Amino acid sequence: MGTAVGGRGGALRLPGLHGYAAEFSPYWPGRGACAAAPCDVLFYFAGLGCGTLAVLEQNGAGIVLLRSFDWNDGLFDVTWSENNEHVLITSSGDGSLQIWDTAKTKGPLQVYKEHTQEAYSVDWSQTRGEQLVVSGSWDQTAKLWDPAVGKSLCTFKGHEGVIYSTIWSPHIPGCFASASGDQTLRVWDVKAPGVKLLIPAHQAEILSCDWCKYDENLLVTGAVDCSLKGWDLRNIRQPVFILLGHTYAIRRVKFSPFHATLLASCSYDFTVRFWDFSKPNPLLETVEHHTEFTCGLDLSLHNRGQV
């Protein structure tokens, strides 16, 4: 039993592991990383088995494993550095963040342990001029980090449930969004102590959110109610779109880096779906190549159409 990492153009099986997050490298075309945890739930909660960071590359032969790093707990999310092509950060079930260098055979370089429950989300800031990381945890807090500093810079409190997703705005420096089991989407400013905007986005747990790459006011949420909803931060009374089609909880949603109205989602219904919310029939394609829960998803910045 294990997870299959891949999409259009190949797959790689990781025996005994379930992939929770996949991220393309912003530097290397065809290179990506997968954060994974043990498949066996009993093993996981007994503290047996470890998480793995797998660094992958797609070539003519398919997807190959370039390097892997083990951690003593499940890994739930991964983000690439925006200032070093070899560096990644993962978040773990033990509440810690790990910094890895793919140019080295061992690791991690550094471990940050402040969250008191599972660290479920981590993201590196996208805007130039700042090198900040945000993490979200089951302890209901988000934390702000400078990778060059050994402790968190700030803790953001306000959610009344598990934080499943923390994502930086690609447009506004110091601004990030968080999605939670408390059914809200929240927008934060690292220069201010409290929440900037609170959106009661679904009547169910929200497992994922993402920012549009072309519109600084547009975000999307994916929830346990099987729906995707688009939100314009200038008017949050109603969603600007609702996308229906998934039959189980939506685990991850990402906007396209190439098209303003295109996005992709994956779900516990084993499918990956592609959408264009500007069209009368927005569901473009349903891909059914996975045989277990589909938890991680990313769209390449280099190769249009590579997922």
C-alpha atoms as a PDB file:
ATOM      1  CA  MET A   1       0.000   0.000   0.000  1.00  0.00           C
ATOM      2  CA  GLY A   2       1.328   3.454  -0.820  1.00  0.00           C
ATOM      3  CA  THR A   3       0.768   6.691  -2.621  1.00  0.00           C
ATOM      4  CA  ALA A   4       1.235   7.378  -6.317  1.00  0.00           C
ATOM      5  CA  VAL A   5       2.753  10.748  -7.114  1.00  0.00           C
ATOM      6  CA  GLY A   6       2.165  12.035 -10.588  1.00  0.00           C
ATOM      7  CA  GLY A   7      -0.306  13.298 -13.095  1.00  0.00           C
ATOM      8  CA  ARG A   8      -0.138  13.818 -16.818  1.00  0.00           C
ATOM      9  CA  GLY A   9       3.075  12.182 -17.889  1.00  0.00           C
ATOM     10  CA  GLY A  10       3.893   9.541 -15.310  1.00  0.00           C
ATOM     11  CA  ALA A  11       3.644   8.314 -11.761  1.00  0.00           C
ATOM     12  CA  LEU A  12       5.935   7.224  -8.950  1.00  0.00           C
ATOM     13  CA  ARG A  13       4.812   4.975  -6.109  1.00  0.00           C
ATOM     14  CA  LEU A  14       5.963   5.615  -2.542  1.00  0.00           C
ATOM     15  CA  PRO A  15       5.307   2.316  -0.705  1.00  0.00           C
ATOM     16  CA  GLY A  16       3.831   2.611   2.769  1.00  0.00           C
ATOM     17  CA  LEU A  17       3.348   6.367   2.486  1.00  0.00           C
ATOM     18  CA  HIS A  18       0.445   8.652   1.737  1.00  0.00           C
ATOM     19  CA  GLY A  19       1.240  11.918  -0.037  1.00  0.00           C
ATOM     20  CA  TYR A  20      -0.300  14.997   1.576  1.00  0.00           C
ATOM     21  CA  ALA A  21       1.204  17.843  -0.451  1.00  0.00           C
ATOM     22  CA  ALA A  22       2.977  18.336  -3.778  1.00  0.00           C
ATOM     23  CA  GLU A  23       4.847  21.450  -4.864  1.00  0.00           C
ATOM     24  CA  PHE A  24       6.668  22.220  -8.093  1.00  0.00           C
ATOM     25  CA  SER A  25      10.053  23.897  -7.815  1.00  0.00           C
ATOM     26  CA  PRO A  26       9.932  27.563  -8.864  1.00  0.00           C
ATOM     27  CA  TYR A  27      13.464  27.110 -10.268  1.00  0.00           C
ATOM     28  CA  TRP A  28      13.743  23.706 -11.987  1.00  0.00           C
ATOM     29  CA  PRO A  29      11.259  22.739 -14.731  1.00  0.00           C
ATOM     30  CA  GLY A  30       9.880  19.280 -14.019  1.00  0.00           C
ATOM     31  CA  ARG A  31      11.199  19.125 -10.451  1.00  0.00           C
ATOM     32  CA  GLY A  32       8.906  18.903  -7.464  1.00  0.00           C
ATOM     33  CA  ALA A  33       8.589  17.774  -3.879  1.00  0.00           C
ATOM     34  CA  CYS A  34       6.075  15.607  -2.032  1.00  0.00           C
ATOM     35  CA  ALA A  35       5.407  15.606   1.729  1.00  0.00           C
ATOM     36  CA  ALA A  36       4.227  12.201   2.928  1.00  0.00           C
ATOM     37  CA  ALA A  37       3.110  10.407   6.094  1.00  0.00           C
ATOM     38  CA  PRO A  38       2.667   6.697   6.915  1.00  0.00           C
ATOM     39  CA  CYS A  39      -0.368   5.083   5.262  1.00  0.00           C
ATOM     40  CA  ASP A  40      -1.238   2.955   8.275  1.00  0.00           C
ATOM     41  CA  VAL A  41      -3.201   5.105  10.722  1.00  0.00           C
ATOM     42  CA  LEU A  42      -2.501   2.723  13.617  1.00  0.00           C
ATOM     43  CA  PHE A  43       1.236   2.913  12.929  1.00  0.00           C
ATOM     44  CA  TYR A  44       1.028   6.686  12.726  1.00  0.00           C
ATOM     45  CA  PHE A  45      -0.752   7.201  16.047  1.00  0.00           C
ATOM     46  CA  ALA A  46       1.473   4.606  17.718  1.00  0.00           C
ATOM     47  CA  GLY A  47       4.485   6.697  16.708  1.00  0.00           C
ATOM     48  CA  LEU A  48       5.746   3.983  14.371  1.00  0.00           C
ATOM     49  CA  GLY A  49       6.960   4.819  10.904  1.00  0.00           C
ATOM     50  CA  CYS A  50       8.216   8.186   9.766  1.00  0.00           C
ATOM     51  CA  GLY A  51       7.315  10.906   7.324  1.00  0.00           C
ATOM     52  CA  THR A  52       9.251  11.433   4.119  1.00  0.00           C
ATOM     53  CA  LEU A  53      10.124  14.412   1.955  1.00  0.00           C
ATOM     54  CA  ALA A  54      10.544  13.103  -1.585  1.00  0.00           C
ATOM     55  CA  VAL A  55      12.240  15.285  -4.212  1.00  0.00           C
ATOM     56  CA  LEU A  56      11.115  14.222  -7.689  1.00  0.00           C
ATOM     57  CA  GLU A  57      11.933  15.002 -11.286  1.00  0.00           C
ATOM     58  CA  GLN A  58      10.143  14.249 -14.520  1.00  0.00           C
ATOM     59  CA  ASN A  59      12.293  13.184 -17.455  1.00  0.00           C
ATOM     60  CA  GLY A  60      11.894  11.059 -20.573  1.00  0.00           C
ATOM     61  CA  ALA A  61      11.574   7.907 -18.459  1.00  0.00           C
ATOM     62  CA  GLY A  62       8.784   9.327 -16.296  1.00  0.00           C
ATOM     63  CA  ILE A  63       9.005  10.516 -12.695  1.00  0.00           C
ATOM     64  CA  VAL A  64      12.188   9.604 -10.812  1.00  0.00           C
ATOM     65  CA  LEU A  65      13.130  10.007  -7.158  1.00  0.00           C
ATOM     66  CA  LEU A  66      16.116  12.363  -6.888  1.00  0.00           C
ATOM     67  CA  ARG A  67      16.431  12.370  -3.106  1.00  0.00           C
ATOM     68  CA  SER A  68      14.406  11.606  -0.010  1.00  0.00           C
ATOM     69  CA  PHE A  69      14.641  12.731   3.609  1.00  0.00           C
ATOM     70  CA  ASP A  70      12.967  11.078   6.585  1.00  0.00           C
ATOM     71  CA  TRP A  71      11.466  12.728   9.655  1.00  0.00           C
ATOM     72  CA  ASN A  72      10.238  10.985  12.793  1.00  0.00           C
ATOM     73  CA  ASP A  73       6.630  12.072  12.252  1.00  0.00           C
ATOM     74  CA  GLY A  74       4.299  12.471   9.300  1.00  0.00           C
ATOM     75  CA  LEU A  75       4.907  15.396   6.923  1.00  0.00           C
ATOM     76  CA  PHE A  76       1.770  17.250   5.839  1.00  0.00           C
ATOM     77  CA  ASP A  77       2.927  20.184   3.729  1.00  0.00           C
ATOM     78  CA  VAL A  78       5.973  21.462   1.848  1.00  0.00           C
ATOM     79  CA  THR A  79       7.049  24.792   0.379  1.00  0.00           C
ATOM     80  CA  TRP A  80      10.087  25.748  -1.715  1.00  0.00           C
ATOM     81  CA  SER A  81      12.329  28.621  -0.727  1.00  0.00           C
ATOM     82  CA  GLU A  82      11.990  31.743  -2.828  1.00  0.00           C
ATOM     83  CA  ASN A  83      15.677  32.671  -2.437  1.00  0.00           C
ATOM     84  CA  ASN A  84      17.553  29.332  -2.683  1.00  0.00           C
ATOM     85  CA  GLU A  85      16.774  26.672  -5.289  1.00  0.00           C
ATOM     86  CA  HIS A  86      17.899  23.836  -2.997  1.00  0.00           C
ATOM     87  CA  VAL A  87      15.969  24.715   0.162  1.00  0.00           C
ATOM     88  CA  LEU A  88      12.517  23.494   1.241  1.00  0.00           C
ATOM     89  CA  ILE A  89      10.467  23.694   4.434  1.00  0.00           C
ATOM     90  CA  THR A  90       8.088  20.957   5.600  1.00  0.00           C
ATOM     91  CA  SER A  91       5.490  20.898   8.379  1.00  0.00           C
ATOM     92  CA  SER A  92       4.955  17.880  10.582  1.00  0.00           C
ATOM     93  CA  GLY A  93       2.569  16.002  12.834  1.00  0.00           C
ATOM     94  CA  ASP A  94       4.765  16.759  15.847  1.00  0.00           C
ATOM     95  CA  GLY A  95       4.073  20.493  15.430  1.00  0.00           C
ATOM     96  CA  SER A  96       7.500  21.322  14.018  1.00  0.00           C
ATOM     97  CA  LEU A  97       8.802  22.844  10.796  1.00  0.00           C
ATOM     98  CA  GLN A  98      11.938  21.441   9.156  1.00  0.00           C
ATOM     99  CA  ILE A  99      14.327  23.209   6.753  1.00  0.00           C
ATOM    100  CA  TRP A 100      15.982  20.890   4.212  1.00  0.00           C
ATOM    101  CA  ASP A 101      18.755  21.420   1.660  1.00  0.00           C
ATOM    102  CA  THR A 102      18.466  19.095  -1.334  1.00  0.00           C
ATOM    103  CA  ALA A 103      22.162  19.667  -2.136  1.00  0.00           C
ATOM    104  CA  LYS A 104      23.014  17.830   1.096  1.00  0.00           C
ATOM    105  CA  THR A 105      22.468  14.133   1.736  1.00  0.00           C
ATOM    106  CA  LYS A 106      21.260  14.545   5.304  1.00  0.00           C
ATOM    107  CA  GLY A 107      19.123  16.962   7.212  1.00  0.00           C
ATOM    108  CA  PRO A 108      17.278  18.851   8.350  1.00  0.00           C
ATOM    109  CA  LEU A 109      19.344  22.032   8.525  1.00  0.00           C
ATOM    110  CA  GLN A 110      17.082  23.445  11.203  1.00  0.00           C
ATOM    111  CA  VAL A 111      13.922  22.546  13.139  1.00  0.00           C
ATOM    112  CA  TYR A 112      11.392  25.032  14.542  1.00  0.00           C
ATOM    113  CA  LYS A 113       9.203  23.540  17.264  1.00  0.00           C
ATOM    114  CA  GLU A 114       6.596  25.936  18.618  1.00  0.00           C
ATOM    115  CA  HIS A 115       3.174  24.671  17.524  1.00  0.00           C
ATOM    116  CA  THR A 116       1.605  22.471  20.210  1.00  0.00           C
ATOM    117  CA  GLN A 117      -0.307  20.251  17.748  1.00  0.00           C
ATOM    118  CA  GLU A 118       0.092  19.113  14.132  1.00  0.00           C
ATOM    119  CA  ALA A 119       1.576  21.744  11.830  1.00  0.00           C
ATOM    120  CA  TYR A 120      -0.647  21.183   8.809  1.00  0.00           C
ATOM    121  CA  SER A 121       0.318  24.022   6.480  1.00  0.00           C
ATOM    122  CA  VAL A 122       3.430  25.981   5.520  1.00  0.00           C
ATOM    123  CA  ASP A 123       4.021  28.569   2.783  1.00  0.00           C
ATOM    124  CA  TRP A 124       6.925  30.804   1.715  1.00  0.00           C
ATOM    125  CA  SER A 125       6.083  34.407   0.807  1.00  0.00           C
ATOM    126  CA  GLN A 126       5.710  35.075  -2.916  1.00  0.00           C
ATOM    127  CA  THR A 127       6.334  38.811  -3.050  1.00  0.00           C
ATOM    128  CA  ARG A 128       9.855  40.100  -3.548  1.00  0.00           C
ATOM    129  CA  GLY A 129      11.548  42.118  -0.834  1.00  0.00           C
ATOM    130  CA  GLU A 130      10.573  39.840   2.050  1.00  0.00           C
ATOM    131  CA  GLN A 131      11.565  36.320   3.012  1.00  0.00           C
ATOM    132  CA  LEU A 132       8.827  35.173   5.359  1.00  0.00           C
ATOM    133  CA  VAL A 133       7.183  31.833   6.074  1.00  0.00           C
ATOM    134  CA  VAL A 134       3.714  31.255   7.517  1.00  0.00           C
ATOM    135  CA  SER A 135       2.538  28.049   9.159  1.00  0.00           C
ATOM    136  CA  GLY A 136      -0.901  26.886  10.286  1.00  0.00           C
ATOM    137  CA  SER A 137      -1.650  24.288  12.927  1.00  0.00           C
ATOM    138  CA  TRP A 138      -4.274  22.149  14.589  1.00  0.00           C
ATOM    139  CA  ASP A 139      -3.528  24.281  17.688  1.00  0.00           C
ATOM    140  CA  GLN A 140      -5.712  26.961  15.993  1.00  0.00           C
ATOM    141  CA  THR A 141      -2.810  29.393  15.494  1.00  0.00           C
ATOM    142  CA  ALA A 142      -0.815  30.637  12.532  1.00  0.00           C
ATOM    143  CA  LYS A 143       2.827  31.596  13.059  1.00  0.00           C
ATOM    144  CA  LEU A 144       5.110  33.930  11.142  1.00  0.00           C
ATOM    145  CA  TRP A 145       8.765  32.970  10.631  1.00  0.00           C
ATOM    146  CA  ASP A 146      11.923  34.440   9.160  1.00  0.00           C
ATOM    147  CA  PRO A 147      13.990  31.371   8.142  1.00  0.00           C
ATOM    148  CA  ALA A 148      17.148  33.187   9.261  1.00  0.00           C
ATOM    149  CA  VAL A 149      15.755  33.585  12.802  1.00  0.00           C
ATOM    150  CA  GLY A 150      15.488  30.624  15.164  1.00  0.00           C
ATOM    151  CA  LYS A 151      12.050  31.436  16.569  1.00  0.00           C
ATOM    152  CA  SER A 152       8.705  32.701  15.326  1.00  0.00           C
ATOM    153  CA  LEU A 153       8.244  36.435  14.824  1.00  0.00           C
ATOM    154  CA  CYS A 154       4.532  36.510  15.619  1.00  0.00           C
ATOM    155  CA  THR A 155       1.558  34.267  16.442  1.00  0.00           C
ATOM    156  CA  PHE A 156      -1.885  34.909  14.935  1.00  0.00           C
ATOM    157  CA  LYS A 157      -4.870  33.856  17.037  1.00  0.00           C
ATOM    158  CA  GLY A 158      -8.566  34.052  16.263  1.00  0.00           C
ATOM    159  CA  HIS A 159      -9.617  30.830  14.570  1.00  0.00           C
ATOM    160  CA  GLU A 160     -11.855  28.596  16.674  1.00  0.00           C
ATOM    161  CA  GLY A 161     -10.912  25.399  14.870  1.00  0.00           C
ATOM    162  CA  VAL A 162      -8.047  23.589  13.189  1.00  0.00           C
ATOM    163  CA  ILE A 163      -6.160  25.677  10.612  1.00  0.00           C
ATOM    164  CA  TYR A 164      -5.812  23.535   7.490  1.00  0.00           C
ATOM    165  CA  SER A 165      -4.356  26.040   5.044  1.00  0.00           C
ATOM    166  CA  THR A 166      -2.204  29.207   5.193  1.00  0.00           C
ATOM    167  CA  ILE A 167      -1.365  30.881   1.881  1.00  0.00           C
ATOM    168  CA  TRP A 168       0.510  34.109   1.127  1.00  0.00           C
ATOM    169  CA  SER A 169      -0.932  36.667  -1.232  1.00  0.00           C
ATOM    170  CA  PRO A 170       1.162  36.731  -4.426  1.00  0.00           C
ATOM    171  CA  HIS A 171       0.342  40.453  -4.750  1.00  0.00           C
ATOM    172  CA  ILE A 172       0.294  42.163  -1.340  1.00  0.00           C
ATOM    173  CA  PRO A 173       3.443  42.026   0.826  1.00  0.00           C
ATOM    174  CA  GLY A 174       2.843  40.732   4.332  1.00  0.00           C
ATOM    175  CA  CYS A 175      -0.680  39.505   3.619  1.00  0.00           C
ATOM    176  CA  PHE A 176      -1.830  35.888   3.967  1.00  0.00           C
ATOM    177  CA  ALA A 177      -5.087  33.931   4.109  1.00  0.00           C
ATOM    178  CA  SER A 178      -6.048  31.026   6.348  1.00  0.00           C
ATOM    179  CA  ALA A 179      -8.778  28.397   6.047  1.00  0.00           C
ATOM    180  CA  SER A 180     -10.117  26.540   9.057  1.00  0.00           C
ATOM    181  CA  GLY A 181     -12.365  23.893  10.477  1.00  0.00           C
ATOM    182  CA  ASP A 182     -14.330  26.753  12.064  1.00  0.00           C
ATOM    183  CA  GLN A 183     -15.888  27.289   8.590  1.00  0.00           C
ATOM    184  CA  THR A 184     -14.173  30.652   8.026  1.00  0.00           C
ATOM    185  CA  LEU A 185     -11.663  32.117   5.606  1.00  0.00           C
ATOM    186  CA  ARG A 186      -9.574  34.845   7.224  1.00  0.00           C
ATOM    187  CA  VAL A 187      -7.153  37.402   5.784  1.00  0.00           C
ATOM    188  CA  TRP A 188      -4.271  38.712   7.914  1.00  0.00           C
ATOM    189  CA  ASP A 189      -1.684  41.492   7.715  1.00  0.00           C
ATOM    190  CA  VAL A 190       1.627  40.689   9.423  1.00  0.00           C
ATOM    191  CA  LYS A 191       1.974  44.363  10.422  1.00  0.00           C
ATOM    192  CA  ALA A 192      -1.303  44.273  12.398  1.00  0.00           C
ATOM    193  CA  PRO A 193      -2.166  42.092  15.407  1.00  0.00           C
ATOM    194  CA  GLY A 194      -5.739  41.066  14.601  1.00  0.00           C
ATOM    195  CA  VAL A 195      -7.586  39.565  11.679  1.00  0.00           C
ATOM    196  CA  LYS A 196      -8.036  41.926   8.741  1.00  0.00           C
ATOM    197  CA  LEU A 197     -11.065  40.189   7.232  1.00  0.00           C
ATOM    198  CA  LEU A 198     -13.302  37.299   8.347  1.00  0.00           C
ATOM    199  CA  ILE A 199     -15.452  35.482   5.791  1.00  0.00           C
ATOM    200  CA  PRO A 200     -17.971  32.803   6.896  1.00  0.00           C
ATOM    201  CA  ALA A 201     -17.279  31.008   3.641  1.00  0.00           C
ATOM    202  CA  HIS A 202     -18.933  27.586   4.069  1.00  0.00           C
ATOM    203  CA  GLN A 203     -21.226  25.740   6.452  1.00  0.00           C
ATOM    204  CA  ALA A 204     -18.574  23.035   6.719  1.00  0.00           C
ATOM    205  CA  GLU A 205     -14.871  22.687   7.492  1.00  0.00           C
ATOM    206  CA  ILE A 206     -12.669  24.497   4.945  1.00  0.00           C
ATOM    207  CA  LEU A 207      -9.627  22.411   4.031  1.00  0.00           C
ATOM    208  CA  SER A 208      -7.961  24.611   1.413  1.00  0.00           C
ATOM    209  CA  CYS A 209      -7.725  28.121  -0.007  1.00  0.00           C
ATOM    210  CA  ASP A 210      -5.684  29.881  -2.675  1.00  0.00           C
ATOM    211  CA  TRP A 211      -5.182  33.348  -4.162  1.00  0.00           C
ATOM    212  CA  CYS A 212      -5.798  34.179  -7.802  1.00  0.00           C
ATOM    213  CA  LYS A 213      -2.499  34.982  -9.503  1.00  0.00           C
ATOM    214  CA  TYR A 214      -4.109  37.745 -11.584  1.00  0.00           C
ATOM    215  CA  ASP A 215      -6.500  39.447  -9.150  1.00  0.00           C
ATOM    216  CA  GLU A 216      -5.340  40.535  -5.700  1.00  0.00           C
ATOM    217  CA  ASN A 217      -8.942  40.581  -4.424  1.00  0.00           C
ATOM    218  CA  LEU A 218      -9.940  37.054  -5.473  1.00  0.00           C
ATOM    219  CA  LEU A 219      -9.553  33.892  -3.387  1.00  0.00           C
ATOM    220  CA  VAL A 220     -11.014  30.399  -3.669  1.00  0.00           C
ATOM    221  CA  THR A 221     -11.969  28.009  -0.866  1.00  0.00           C
ATOM    222  CA  GLY A 222     -12.537  24.233  -0.944  1.00  0.00           C
ATOM    223  CA  ALA A 223     -14.512  22.510   1.795  1.00  0.00           C
ATOM    224  CA  VAL A 224     -15.952  19.327   3.264  1.00  0.00           C
ATOM    225  CA  ASP A 225     -19.316  20.270   1.670  1.00  0.00           C
ATOM    226  CA  CYS A 226     -17.759  19.306  -1.727  1.00  0.00           C
ATOM    227  CA  SER A 227     -17.966  22.857  -3.069  1.00  0.00           C
ATOM    228  CA  LEU A 228     -15.456  25.421  -4.283  1.00  0.00           C
ATOM    229  CA  LYS A 229     -16.332  29.066  -3.713  1.00  0.00           C
ATOM    230  CA  GLY A 230     -14.727  32.233  -5.058  1.00  0.00           C
ATOM    231  CA  TRP A 231     -14.521  35.329  -2.852  1.00  0.00           C
ATOM    232  CA  ASP A 232     -13.988  38.964  -3.841  1.00  0.00           C
ATOM    233  CA  LEU A 233     -12.464  40.712  -0.814  1.00  0.00           C
ATOM    234  CA  ARG A 234     -14.213  43.969  -1.764  1.00  0.00           C
ATOM    235  CA  ASN A 235     -17.649  42.376  -1.326  1.00  0.00           C
ATOM    236  CA  ILE A 236     -17.814  39.250   0.830  1.00  0.00           C
ATOM    237  CA  ARG A 237     -21.587  38.985   1.238  1.00  0.00           C
ATOM    238  CA  GLN A 238     -21.900  36.428  -1.567  1.00  0.00           C
ATOM    239  CA  PRO A 239     -19.373  34.241  -3.393  1.00  0.00           C
ATOM    240  CA  VAL A 240     -18.582  35.337  -6.944  1.00  0.00           C
ATOM    241  CA  PHE A 241     -18.712  31.701  -8.079  1.00  0.00           C
ATOM    242  CA  ILE A 242     -19.652  28.278  -6.710  1.00  0.00           C
ATOM    243  CA  LEU A 243     -18.266  25.138  -8.379  1.00  0.00           C
ATOM    244  CA  LEU A 244     -20.011  21.808  -7.768  1.00  0.00           C
ATOM    245  CA  GLY A 245     -19.030  18.328  -8.944  1.00  0.00           C
ATOM    246  CA  HIS A 246     -16.811  16.685  -6.336  1.00  0.00           C
ATOM    247  CA  THR A 247     -18.570  13.965  -4.340  1.00  0.00           C
ATOM    248  CA  TYR A 248     -16.372  14.061  -1.209  1.00  0.00           C
ATOM    249  CA  ALA A 249     -14.432  16.716   0.695  1.00  0.00           C
ATOM    250  CA  ILE A 250     -12.116  18.927  -1.373  1.00  0.00           C
ATOM    251  CA  ARG A 251      -8.597  18.595  -0.028  1.00  0.00           C
ATOM    252  CA  ARG A 252      -6.641  21.109  -2.126  1.00  0.00           C
ATOM    253  CA  VAL A 253      -7.373  23.873  -4.628  1.00  0.00           C
ATOM    254  CA  LYS A 254      -4.918  25.898  -6.723  1.00  0.00           C
ATOM    255  CA  PHE A 255      -5.358  28.716  -9.227  1.00  0.00           C
ATOM    256  CA  SER A 256      -3.548  28.445 -12.545  1.00  0.00           C
ATOM    257  CA  PRO A 257      -0.372  30.517 -12.965  1.00  0.00           C
ATOM    258  CA  PHE A 258      -1.263  30.999 -16.655  1.00  0.00           C
ATOM    259  CA  HIS A 259      -5.023  31.662 -16.787  1.00  0.00           C
ATOM    260  CA  ALA A 260      -6.941  34.141 -14.629  1.00  0.00           C
ATOM    261  CA  THR A 261     -10.125  32.040 -14.483  1.00  0.00           C
ATOM    262  CA  LEU A 262      -8.683  28.500 -14.451  1.00  0.00           C
ATOM    263  CA  LEU A 263      -8.172  26.402 -11.327  1.00  0.00           C
ATOM    264  CA  ALA A 264      -7.639  22.798 -10.269  1.00  0.00           C
ATOM    265  CA  SER A 265      -8.892  20.864  -7.252  1.00  0.00           C
ATOM    266  CA  CYS A 266      -8.391  17.427  -5.757  1.00  0.00           C
ATOM    267  CA  SER A 267     -10.593  15.503  -3.388  1.00  0.00           C
ATOM    268  CA  TYR A 268     -11.191  12.519  -1.168  1.00  0.00           C
ATOM    269  CA  ASP A 269     -13.339  11.277  -4.097  1.00  0.00           C
ATOM    270  CA  PHE A 270      -9.990  10.207  -5.739  1.00  0.00           C
ATOM    271  CA  THR A 271     -10.336  12.758  -8.548  1.00  0.00           C
ATOM    272  CA  VAL A 272      -8.550  15.852  -9.811  1.00  0.00           C
ATOM    273  CA  ARG A 273     -10.829  18.357 -11.527  1.00  0.00           C
ATOM    274  CA  PHE A 274     -10.085  21.335 -13.742  1.00  0.00           C
ATOM    275  CA  TRP A 275     -12.420  24.324 -13.846  1.00  0.00           C
ATOM    276  CA  ASP A 276     -12.913  27.608 -15.680  1.00  0.00           C
ATOM    277  CA  PHE A 277     -15.276  29.675 -13.554  1.00  0.00           C
ATOM    278  CA  SER A 278     -15.894  32.144 -16.427  1.00  0.00           C
ATOM    279  CA  LYS A 279     -17.721  29.488 -18.477  1.00  0.00           C
ATOM    280  CA  PRO A 280     -21.410  28.500 -18.257  1.00  0.00           C
ATOM    281  CA  ASN A 281     -20.294  24.889 -17.781  1.00  0.00           C
ATOM    282  CA  PRO A 282     -17.192  25.437 -15.633  1.00  0.00           C
ATOM    283  CA  LEU A 283     -16.045  21.814 -15.178  1.00  0.00           C
ATOM    284  CA  LEU A 284     -13.469  21.272 -17.941  1.00  0.00           C
ATOM    285  CA  GLU A 285     -12.108  17.839 -17.057  1.00  0.00           C
ATOM    286  CA  THR A 286     -12.203  15.126 -14.389  1.00  0.00           C
ATOM    287  CA  VAL A 287      -9.067  12.989 -13.996  1.00  0.00           C
ATOM    288  CA  GLU A 288      -9.538   9.655 -12.232  1.00  0.00           C
ATOM    289  CA  HIS A 289      -6.054   8.111 -12.199  1.00  0.00           C
ATOM    290  CA  HIS A 290      -5.670   7.879  -8.390  1.00  0.00           C
ATOM    291  CA  THR A 291      -6.890   4.862  -6.404  1.00  0.00           C
ATOM    292  CA  GLU A 292      -6.870   6.534  -2.968  1.00  0.00           C
ATOM    293  CA  PHE A 293      -7.607   9.939  -1.422  1.00  0.00           C
ATOM    294  CA  THR A 294      -6.070  12.723  -3.523  1.00  0.00           C
ATOM    295  CA  CYS A 295      -4.579  15.231  -1.081  1.00  0.00           C
ATOM    296  CA  GLY A 296      -1.866  17.220  -2.849  1.00  0.00           C
ATOM    297  CA  LEU A 297      -1.884  19.242  -6.049  1.00  0.00           C
ATOM    298  CA  ASP A 298       0.230  21.857  -7.798  1.00  0.00           C
ATOM    299  CA  LEU A 299       0.470  23.512 -11.211  1.00  0.00           C
ATOM    300  CA  SER A 300       3.867  24.108 -12.793  1.00  0.00           C
ATOM    301  CA  LEU A 301       5.126  27.661 -13.230  1.00  0.00           C
ATOM    302  CA  HIS A 302       7.331  26.492 -16.113  1.00  0.00           C
ATOM    303  CA  ASN A 303       5.324  24.035 -18.189  1.00  0.00           C
ATOM    304  CA  ARG A 304       1.832  25.099 -19.116  1.00  0.00           C
ATOM    305  CA  GLY A 305      -0.540  22.217 -18.442  1.00  0.00           C
ATOM    306  CA  GLN A 306       1.835  20.246 -16.198  1.00  0.00           C
ATOM    307  CA  VAL A 307       0.069  19.259 -12.955  1.00  0.00           C
END
